[in-house]
Amino acid sequence: MGAAMVFSSHDTLEPGDLALLRTVLEEVCDEKSIPLDHPDAQQVARDLVNWYLFGIKHPVQLRTMLEPLTG
């Protein structure tokens, strides 16, 4: 799906970060009718985390970054 981005081990996610990412993941998967346990949802989750660690922190921006990937 997307290009692989690798981040160093010092990148961490706090509980609030995870809650935000989970909400975006659920919304995107619901819109696309992707079950959360499907491999496509796992890829979306990886992409979300990567974009978040890259510096995209706002839910709307995250969804925009996923659009080309989830079409």
C-alpha atoms as a PDB file:
ATOM      1  CA  MET A   1       0.000   0.000   0.000  1.00  0.00           C
ATOM      2  CA  GLY A   2       2.128   2.906   1.264  1.00  0.00           C
ATOM      3  CA  ALA A   3       5.829   3.555   1.294  1.00  0.00           C
ATOM      4  CA  ALA A   4       7.501   2.220   4.395  1.00  0.00           C
ATOM      5  CA  MET A   5       8.682   4.814   6.879  1.00  0.00           C
ATOM      6  CA  VAL A   6      10.959   3.750   9.690  1.00  0.00           C
ATOM      7  CA  PHE A   7      11.441   5.739  12.871  1.00  0.00           C
ATOM      8  CA  SER A   8      13.989   5.375  15.615  1.00  0.00           C
ATOM      9  CA  SER A   9      13.175   3.626  18.841  1.00  0.00           C
ATOM     10  CA  HIS A  10      12.965   6.903  20.808  1.00  0.00           C
ATOM     11  CA  ASP A  11       9.647   7.709  19.116  1.00  0.00           C
ATOM     12  CA  THR A  12       6.925   6.915  21.643  1.00  0.00           C
ATOM     13  CA  LEU A  13       3.171   7.200  21.760  1.00  0.00           C
ATOM     14  CA  GLU A  14       1.367   8.310  24.883  1.00  0.00           C
ATOM     15  CA  PRO A  15      -2.129   7.040  25.815  1.00  0.00           C
ATOM     16  CA  GLY A  16      -3.710  10.215  24.418  1.00  0.00           C
ATOM     17  CA  ASP A  17      -1.864   9.719  21.144  1.00  0.00           C
ATOM     18  CA  LEU A  18      -3.091   6.146  20.932  1.00  0.00           C
ATOM     19  CA  ALA A  19      -6.681   7.200  21.649  1.00  0.00           C
ATOM     20  CA  LEU A  20      -6.563   9.773  18.846  1.00  0.00           C
ATOM     21  CA  LEU A  21      -5.043   7.275  16.419  1.00  0.00           C
ATOM     22  CA  ARG A  22      -7.598   4.626  17.388  1.00  0.00           C
ATOM     23  CA  THR A  23     -10.457   7.057  16.744  1.00  0.00           C
ATOM     24  CA  VAL A  24      -9.107   7.983  13.303  1.00  0.00           C
ATOM     25  CA  LEU A  25      -8.510   4.305  12.478  1.00  0.00           C
ATOM     26  CA  GLU A  26     -12.055   3.361  13.466  1.00  0.00           C
ATOM     27  CA  GLU A  27     -13.538   6.237  11.437  1.00  0.00           C
ATOM     28  CA  VAL A  28     -11.502   5.435   8.318  1.00  0.00           C
ATOM     29  CA  CYS A  29     -12.212   1.703   8.533  1.00  0.00           C
ATOM     30  CA  ASP A  30     -15.909   2.333   9.139  1.00  0.00           C
ATOM     31  CA  GLU A  31     -16.108   4.606   6.082  1.00  0.00           C
ATOM     32  CA  LYS A  32     -14.312   2.040   3.928  1.00  0.00           C
ATOM     33  CA  SER A  33     -16.159  -0.970   5.425  1.00  0.00           C
ATOM     34  CA  ILE A  34     -12.869  -2.526   6.534  1.00  0.00           C
ATOM     35  CA  PRO A  35     -13.126  -4.776   9.608  1.00  0.00           C
ATOM     36  CA  LEU A  36     -10.613  -3.756  12.284  1.00  0.00           C
ATOM     37  CA  ASP A  37      -9.130  -7.260  12.291  1.00  0.00           C
ATOM     38  CA  HIS A  38      -8.535  -7.231   8.509  1.00  0.00           C
ATOM     39  CA  PRO A  39      -4.964  -6.900   7.148  1.00  0.00           C
ATOM     40  CA  ASP A  40      -6.007  -3.692   5.340  1.00  0.00           C
ATOM     41  CA  ALA A  41      -6.950  -2.142   8.698  1.00  0.00           C
ATOM     42  CA  GLN A  42      -3.586  -3.183  10.100  1.00  0.00           C
ATOM     43  CA  GLN A  43      -1.878  -1.416   7.191  1.00  0.00           C
ATOM     44  CA  VAL A  44      -3.975   1.707   7.771  1.00  0.00           C
ATOM     45  CA  ALA A  45      -2.978   1.587  11.447  1.00  0.00           C
ATOM     46  CA  ARG A  46       0.708   1.354  10.540  1.00  0.00           C
ATOM     47  CA  ASP A  47       0.374   4.249   8.115  1.00  0.00           C
ATOM     48  CA  LEU A  48      -1.449   6.316  10.745  1.00  0.00           C
ATOM     49  CA  VAL A  49       1.290   5.751  13.312  1.00  0.00           C
ATOM     50  CA  ASN A  50       3.981   6.558  10.763  1.00  0.00           C
ATOM     51  CA  TRP A  51       2.319   9.822   9.721  1.00  0.00           C
ATOM     52  CA  TYR A  52       1.745  10.719  13.373  1.00  0.00           C
ATOM     53  CA  LEU A  53       5.395  10.133  14.259  1.00  0.00           C
ATOM     54  CA  PHE A  54       6.390  12.083  11.156  1.00  0.00           C
ATOM     55  CA  GLY A  55       4.584  15.079  12.658  1.00  0.00           C
ATOM     56  CA  ILE A  56       1.025  14.947  11.294  1.00  0.00           C
ATOM     57  CA  LYS A  57      -0.931  15.269  14.563  1.00  0.00           C
ATOM     58  CA  HIS A  58      -4.380  16.603  13.630  1.00  0.00           C
ATOM     59  CA  PRO A  59      -7.094  13.995  12.902  1.00  0.00           C
ATOM     60  CA  VAL A  60      -8.292  15.770   9.741  1.00  0.00           C
ATOM     61  CA  GLN A  61      -4.744  15.989   8.418  1.00  0.00           C
ATOM     62  CA  LEU A  62      -4.167  12.322   9.196  1.00  0.00           C
ATOM     63  CA  ARG A  63      -7.307  11.345   7.306  1.00  0.00           C
ATOM     64  CA  THR A  64      -6.181  13.497   4.365  1.00  0.00           C
ATOM     65  CA  MET A  65      -2.801  11.746   4.320  1.00  0.00           C
ATOM     66  CA  LEU A  66      -4.557   8.356   4.237  1.00  0.00           C
ATOM     67  CA  GLU A  67      -6.888   9.205   1.341  1.00  0.00           C
ATOM     68  CA  PRO A  68      -4.480   8.137  -1.441  1.00  0.00           C
ATOM     69  CA  LEU A  69      -3.788   4.927   0.464  1.00  0.00           C
ATOM     70  CA  THR A  70      -7.377   3.927   1.236  1.00  0.00           C
ATOM     71  CA  GLY A  71      -8.969   5.466  -1.869  1.00  0.00           C
END
